[in-house]
Amino acid sequence: MAIPAGQDALTITVLHGEDMPPGLSERVGDARLRFADDSTLADALPGSDVLLTWNFLSDAVRPAWATGGEGVRWVHTASAGVDRVAFPELLASDTTLTNSRGVFDVPMAEYVLGAILAFAKDLPTSLRLQDAGTWRHRETEPIAGRTAVVVGSGPIGHAITSLLRAAGLRVELVGRTARDGVHAFDALDGLLPEADFLVLAAPLTDQTRGLLHRGSIARMRDTARVVNVGRGPLIVQDDLVDALAAGRIAGAALDVFETEPLPADSPLWAMGNVIVSPHMSGDIVGWRDALVDLFAENLALFRDGRELRNVVDKARGYVSTSGGHS
């Protein structure tokens, strides 16, 4: 969908958190920038042409939209997932929604490979023994020839698949629909018993919410591990905790959670077979600059009335191959 060219001086509202987009003021030309946090977004949004949700974990957009969303022609989120801004009122509007697809693919793939290697080579135990000054020889596992089932067939899922195959793993990729090299979601139950590693990299949609639950975990090997770099609600977290505690699954590397930050009283913190990271799998040195670059490139297209990159298919909840440039 092409955006009609608007007035020369655009108004861009930036929803920020603790940090600001680096160098943004120098990249927007004569556009007027309004900076707002969760508490001030409702006041800043009216009269805006563009909303940049730099704080992509914020839940402030929907309540602010009710009084200030009219007239906003484009919303861009500084994340690959759009679940925080894909609320019914925005989806029903003519506002174009774009995401930051492409920025996080390789870093997240590297995180997944790192987590798999950490489990196979028992690195968490090595670090605990080192802290205790204990020398204890163990044998570890190979990853070559092991099977990973990767759920999510977008650019992140494909990057994960490529890197894991290069490391010697056999990979089964699962997506919304079956196509060459990709299984449909309804094939997942049949693939779970084969998985040494289950990697979740899917967007959060009605179809994917809670896809890993007590029943699906029961289909997995008790030696299998889960790696979640998608969204926390892809997993029924209580079911996973119970399975980990009972030894029905061997471990989990979790970068995303149902509630973030992960509450201090969560049992996940103390589990020796769990790796917890604070939603950082795609955040490498320079990632903020890459996000600003992508927004600035799209802003130039917006000014020219041209089709934007990474236009989200509102019916599907993600950028489809036919919706926006990848």
Protein backbone atom coordinates (compact mmCIF):
# COMPACT_ATOMS: atom_id res chain seq x y z
CA MET A 1 0.00 0.00 0.00
CA ALA A 2 1.50 3.32 -1.07
CA ILE A 3 1.16 6.31 1.24
CA PRO A 4 0.02 9.54 -0.42
CA ALA A 5 2.49 12.36 -0.08
CA GLY A 6 1.53 14.71 2.73
CA GLN A 7 2.55 18.16 3.80
CA ASP A 8 6.24 19.02 3.79
CA ALA A 9 6.56 19.42 7.55
CA LEU A 10 5.49 16.15 9.08
CA THR A 11 4.90 15.68 12.78
CA ILE A 12 6.49 12.53 14.18
CA THR A 13 5.73 11.40 17.72
CA VAL A 14 8.38 9.14 19.25
CA LEU A 15 7.31 6.87 22.10
CA HIS A 16 10.52 6.26 24.04
CA GLY A 17 11.50 4.51 27.22
CA GLU A 18 14.75 4.90 29.10
CA ASP A 19 16.75 5.38 25.91
CA MET A 20 16.27 7.56 22.83
CA PRO A 21 16.81 6.74 19.16
CA PRO A 22 20.40 7.82 18.44
CA GLY A 23 20.83 10.54 15.82
CA LEU A 24 17.14 10.63 14.91
CA SER A 25 16.91 14.43 14.89
CA GLU A 26 19.56 14.59 12.17
CA ARG A 27 17.76 12.01 10.01
CA VAL A 28 14.22 13.45 9.76
CA GLY A 29 14.82 16.67 7.81
CA ASP A 30 12.31 19.38 8.63
CA ALA A 31 9.88 17.03 10.37
CA ARG A 32 8.72 18.10 13.82
CA LEU A 33 9.62 15.61 16.51
CA ARG A 34 7.56 15.11 19.64
CA PHE A 35 9.06 12.87 22.30
CA ALA A 36 6.71 11.13 24.70
CA ASP A 37 6.82 8.38 27.28
CA ASP A 38 3.98 6.18 28.48
CA SER A 39 2.54 8.92 30.67
CA THR A 40 2.57 11.67 28.02
CA LEU A 41 1.78 9.81 24.80
CA ALA A 42 -1.95 10.57 24.93
CA ASP A 43 -1.17 14.30 24.99
CA ALA A 44 1.51 14.13 22.29
CA LEU A 45 -0.28 11.95 19.74
CA PRO A 46 -3.08 14.27 18.49
CA GLY A 47 -2.03 16.00 15.27
CA SER A 48 0.75 13.52 14.54
CA ASP A 49 1.31 12.10 11.08
CA VAL A 50 3.67 9.34 12.19
CA LEU A 51 4.14 7.37 15.39
CA LEU A 52 7.50 5.70 16.02
CA THR A 53 7.17 3.22 18.88
CA TRP A 54 10.81 3.16 19.89
CA ASN A 55 9.78 1.61 23.22
CA PHE A 56 8.31 -1.46 21.55
CA LEU A 57 7.50 -3.11 24.89
CA SER A 58 5.13 -0.31 25.88
CA ASP A 59 1.40 -0.90 26.22
CA ALA A 60 0.62 2.83 26.04
CA VAL A 61 -0.32 3.04 22.36
CA ARG A 62 -3.79 1.53 22.54
CA PRO A 63 -5.17 3.79 25.29
CA ALA A 64 -3.58 6.85 23.66
CA TRP A 65 -4.99 5.88 20.27
CA ALA A 66 -8.56 6.28 21.48
CA THR A 67 -8.16 10.05 21.79
CA GLY A 68 -5.18 10.84 19.56
CA GLY A 69 -4.94 8.23 16.83
CA GLU A 70 -7.11 9.98 14.28
CA GLY A 71 -4.90 11.43 11.60
CA VAL A 72 -1.90 9.17 12.25
CA ARG A 73 -1.09 7.74 8.82
CA TRP A 74 1.83 5.52 9.68
CA VAL A 75 2.92 3.60 12.79
CA HIS A 76 6.39 2.06 12.86
CA THR A 77 7.56 -0.22 15.66
CA ALA A 78 11.23 -0.73 16.46
CA SER A 79 10.74 -4.49 16.75
CA ALA A 80 10.01 -7.49 14.57
CA GLY A 81 6.88 -8.42 16.53
CA VAL A 82 3.86 -6.13 16.33
CA ASP A 83 1.64 -7.65 19.02
CA ARG A 84 1.86 -4.56 21.26
CA VAL A 85 0.44 -2.29 18.55
CA ALA A 86 -1.78 -4.70 16.62
CA PHE A 87 -4.93 -3.85 18.57
CA PRO A 88 -8.36 -3.84 16.88
CA GLU A 89 -8.73 -0.07 16.58
CA LEU A 90 -5.46 0.35 14.71
CA LEU A 91 -6.01 -2.75 12.60
CA ALA A 92 -9.42 -1.44 11.52
CA SER A 93 -8.01 1.96 10.56
CA ASP A 94 -6.38 3.09 7.33
CA THR A 95 -3.10 3.60 9.18
CA THR A 96 -0.16 1.73 7.69
CA LEU A 97 1.79 -0.40 10.16
CA THR A 98 5.44 -1.33 9.61
CA ASN A 99 7.98 -3.22 11.67
CA SER A 100 11.76 -3.56 11.91
CA ARG A 101 12.04 -6.85 10.09
CA GLY A 102 15.59 -7.57 8.94
CA VAL A 103 17.49 -5.88 11.78
CA PHE A 104 17.47 -8.80 14.20
CA ASP A 105 17.71 -11.89 11.98
CA VAL A 106 21.39 -12.81 12.23
CA PRO A 107 21.89 -11.75 15.88
CA MET A 108 18.93 -13.87 16.96
CA ALA A 109 20.18 -16.82 14.95
CA GLU A 110 23.55 -16.50 16.68
CA TYR A 111 21.80 -16.41 20.07
CA VAL A 112 19.92 -19.62 19.24
CA LEU A 113 23.08 -21.40 18.16
CA GLY A 114 24.81 -20.16 21.31
CA ALA A 115 22.01 -21.51 23.51
CA ILE A 116 22.10 -24.90 21.76
CA LEU A 117 25.87 -25.10 22.20
CA ALA A 118 25.58 -24.03 25.84
CA PHE A 119 23.20 -26.90 26.54
CA ALA A 120 25.10 -29.49 24.51
CA LYS A 121 28.46 -28.56 26.05
CA ASP A 122 26.97 -28.08 29.54
CA LEU A 123 28.40 -24.58 29.85
CA PRO A 124 26.00 -23.47 32.63
CA THR A 125 27.29 -26.30 34.85
CA SER A 126 30.89 -25.42 34.01
CA LEU A 127 30.30 -21.83 35.11
CA ARG A 128 28.64 -22.93 38.35
CA LEU A 129 31.51 -25.33 39.10
CA GLN A 130 34.04 -22.61 38.29
CA ASP A 131 32.32 -20.26 40.73
CA ALA A 132 32.60 -22.99 43.38
CA GLY A 133 36.23 -23.78 42.52
CA THR A 134 35.27 -27.38 41.71
CA TRP A 135 37.05 -29.57 39.13
CA ARG A 136 34.58 -32.14 37.80
CA HIS A 137 35.12 -33.92 34.50
CA ARG A 138 32.01 -34.64 32.43
CA GLU A 139 31.15 -35.86 28.97
CA THR A 140 29.06 -33.59 26.77
CA GLU A 141 26.82 -33.97 23.74
CA PRO A 142 27.41 -33.40 20.03
CA ILE A 143 25.12 -31.12 18.06
CA ALA A 144 26.04 -32.48 14.62
CA GLY A 145 23.27 -34.74 13.42
CA ARG A 146 20.80 -33.60 16.09
CA THR A 147 17.37 -32.35 15.05
CA ALA A 148 16.05 -28.84 15.61
CA VAL A 149 12.43 -27.94 14.92
CA VAL A 150 12.22 -24.20 14.22
CA VAL A 151 8.75 -22.64 14.47
CA GLY A 152 8.48 -19.40 12.50
CA SER A 153 9.35 -19.24 8.82
CA GLY A 154 9.99 -15.51 8.45
CA PRO A 155 13.46 -13.99 7.99
CA ILE A 156 14.43 -14.76 11.60
CA GLY A 157 13.39 -18.40 11.27
CA HIS A 158 15.24 -18.73 7.98
CA ALA A 159 18.39 -17.16 9.46
CA ILE A 160 18.21 -19.59 12.39
CA THR A 161 17.71 -22.50 10.01
CA SER A 162 20.71 -21.53 7.88
CA LEU A 163 23.05 -21.15 10.84
CA LEU A 164 21.96 -24.36 12.56
CA ARG A 165 22.36 -26.35 9.35
CA ALA A 166 25.82 -24.87 8.88
CA ALA A 167 26.65 -26.14 12.39
CA GLY A 168 25.60 -29.64 11.39
CA LEU A 169 22.05 -29.87 12.73
CA ARG A 170 19.12 -31.28 10.82
CA VAL A 171 16.42 -28.61 10.79
CA GLU A 172 12.67 -28.88 10.23
CA LEU A 173 11.12 -25.44 9.61
CA VAL A 174 7.47 -24.81 10.50
CA GLY A 175 5.36 -21.88 9.26
CA ARG A 176 1.79 -20.78 8.78
CA THR A 177 1.34 -22.70 5.53
CA ALA A 178 3.18 -25.59 3.89
CA ARG A 179 5.53 -24.76 1.01
CA ASP A 180 8.87 -25.90 -0.28
CA GLY A 181 11.06 -26.63 2.73
CA VAL A 182 8.43 -25.49 5.24
CA HIS A 183 5.89 -27.55 7.19
CA ALA A 184 2.49 -26.13 8.10
CA PHE A 185 1.61 -25.55 11.76
CA ASP A 186 -0.68 -28.58 11.76
CA ALA A 187 2.41 -30.76 11.20
CA LEU A 188 4.08 -29.56 14.42
CA ASP A 189 2.65 -32.26 16.69
CA GLY A 190 4.12 -34.91 14.42
CA LEU A 191 7.54 -33.25 14.45
CA LEU A 192 7.82 -32.73 18.20
CA PRO A 193 8.86 -36.32 19.02
CA GLU A 194 11.85 -35.87 16.67
CA ALA A 195 13.08 -32.62 18.21
CA ASP A 196 16.27 -32.49 20.22
CA PHE A 197 15.81 -28.71 20.20
CA LEU A 198 12.54 -26.83 19.72
CA VAL A 199 13.17 -23.24 18.66
CA LEU A 200 10.29 -20.76 18.82
CA ALA A 201 10.74 -17.73 16.56
CA ALA A 202 7.17 -17.17 15.43
CA PRO A 203 5.16 -13.94 15.72
CA LEU A 204 2.48 -13.85 18.37
CA THR A 205 -0.88 -14.38 16.68
CA ASP A 206 -4.12 -16.13 17.57
CA GLN A 207 -2.71 -19.22 15.87
CA THR A 208 0.59 -19.26 17.76
CA ARG A 209 -0.45 -18.13 21.25
CA GLY A 210 0.11 -20.97 23.71
CA LEU A 211 1.39 -23.35 21.04
CA LEU A 212 3.72 -25.00 23.57
CA HIS A 213 1.58 -26.35 26.39
CA ARG A 214 1.23 -29.40 28.59
CA GLY A 215 -0.10 -31.56 25.75
CA SER A 216 2.56 -30.59 23.21
CA ILE A 217 5.35 -30.93 25.78
CA ALA A 218 4.15 -34.47 26.46
CA ARG A 219 4.93 -35.32 22.83
CA MET A 220 8.57 -34.29 23.22
CA ARG A 221 11.54 -36.34 24.37
CA ASP A 222 12.58 -35.86 27.98
CA THR A 223 16.05 -35.03 26.62
CA ALA A 224 14.77 -32.16 24.46
CA ARG A 225 15.40 -28.46 25.08
CA VAL A 226 13.30 -25.43 24.20
CA VAL A 227 14.69 -22.09 22.97
CA ASN A 228 12.21 -19.20 22.82
CA VAL A 229 13.24 -15.99 21.03
CA GLY A 230 9.76 -15.17 19.72
CA ARG A 231 7.29 -13.95 22.32
CA GLY A 232 6.66 -15.16 25.85
CA PRO A 233 3.00 -16.11 25.31
CA LEU A 234 3.99 -18.65 22.65
CA ILE A 235 4.50 -20.87 25.71
CA VAL A 236 2.07 -21.63 28.53
CA GLN A 237 4.73 -20.76 31.06
CA ASP A 238 3.29 -22.65 34.04
CA ASP A 239 3.13 -25.83 31.95
CA LEU A 240 6.78 -25.40 30.96
CA VAL A 241 7.85 -24.79 34.57
CA ASP A 242 6.04 -27.94 35.70
CA ALA A 243 7.65 -29.99 32.93
CA LEU A 244 11.13 -28.67 33.70
CA ALA A 245 10.74 -29.35 37.42
CA ALA A 246 9.49 -32.90 36.77
CA GLY A 247 12.20 -33.74 34.24
CA ARG A 248 9.70 -34.19 31.41
CA ILE A 249 11.88 -31.86 29.36
CA ALA A 250 15.62 -31.35 29.78
CA GLY A 251 16.00 -27.57 29.62
CA ALA A 252 14.96 -24.22 28.23
CA ALA A 253 16.70 -21.05 27.07
CA LEU A 254 14.18 -18.25 27.40
CA ASP A 255 14.72 -14.72 26.13
CA VAL A 256 11.04 -13.73 26.31
CA PHE A 257 8.38 -14.29 28.95
CA GLU A 258 4.67 -13.93 29.64
CA THR A 259 5.50 -11.04 32.00
CA GLU A 260 8.53 -8.83 31.43
CA PRO A 261 10.67 -8.13 33.34
CA LEU A 262 10.50 -11.68 34.68
CA PRO A 263 9.18 -11.38 38.26
CA ALA A 264 11.74 -11.92 40.99
CA ASP A 265 9.68 -14.75 42.46
CA SER A 266 9.53 -16.75 39.23
CA PRO A 267 10.83 -20.30 39.73
CA LEU A 268 12.62 -20.02 36.38
CA TRP A 269 15.39 -17.94 37.97
CA ALA A 270 16.56 -20.77 40.21
CA MET A 271 16.26 -23.69 37.80
CA GLY A 272 19.63 -25.15 36.90
CA ASN A 273 18.35 -26.36 33.52
CA VAL A 274 17.11 -22.91 32.43
CA ILE A 275 18.96 -20.04 30.79
CA VAL A 276 17.21 -16.69 31.38
CA SER A 277 18.07 -13.60 29.34
CA PRO A 278 16.22 -10.26 29.43
CA HIS A 279 14.72 -9.97 25.90
CA MET A 280 18.11 -9.29 24.34
CA SER A 281 18.65 -12.02 21.75
CA GLY A 282 18.64 -9.55 18.85
CA ASP A 283 20.39 -6.68 20.59
CA ILE A 284 23.99 -6.50 19.42
CA VAL A 285 26.32 -3.51 19.42
CA GLY A 286 24.91 -1.01 16.91
CA TRP A 287 21.36 -2.35 16.83
CA ARG A 288 19.83 1.01 17.75
CA ASP A 289 21.63 2.70 14.87
CA ALA A 290 20.34 0.03 12.49
CA LEU A 291 16.79 0.66 13.71
CA VAL A 292 17.14 4.40 13.10
CA ASP A 293 18.57 3.73 9.63
CA LEU A 294 15.56 1.60 8.74
CA PHE A 295 13.09 4.20 10.00
CA ALA A 296 14.89 6.99 8.13
CA GLU A 297 14.83 4.99 4.90
CA ASN A 298 11.12 4.39 5.30
CA LEU A 299 10.53 8.05 6.15
CA ALA A 300 12.06 9.04 2.81
CA LEU A 301 9.69 6.65 1.05
CA PHE A 302 6.77 8.03 3.06
CA ARG A 303 7.59 11.60 2.00
CA ASP A 304 7.71 10.53 -1.65
CA GLY A 305 4.38 8.70 -1.46
CA ARG A 306 6.09 5.40 -2.26
CA GLU A 307 5.43 1.96 -0.81
CA LEU A 308 7.06 1.44 2.57
CA ARG A 309 9.33 -1.41 3.56
CA ASN A 310 8.03 -4.02 5.99
CA VAL A 311 4.31 -3.27 5.69
CA VAL A 312 2.47 -5.55 8.11
CA ASP A 313 -0.41 -7.59 6.76
CA LYS A 314 -3.02 -6.61 9.34
CA ALA A 315 -5.05 -9.77 8.80
CA ARG A 316 -2.05 -12.02 9.50
CA GLY A 317 -0.18 -9.95 12.07
CA TYR A 318 3.20 -9.98 10.33
CA VAL A 319 4.93 -8.91 7.13
CA SER A 320 3.90 -11.38 4.44
CA THR A 321 5.99 -12.06 1.36
CA SER A 322 3.44 -10.12 -0.68
CA GLY A 323 3.09 -7.22 1.75
CA GLY A 324 5.92 -4.72 1.74
CA HIS A 325 9.53 -5.21 0.80
CA SER A 326 11.71 -7.49 2.87
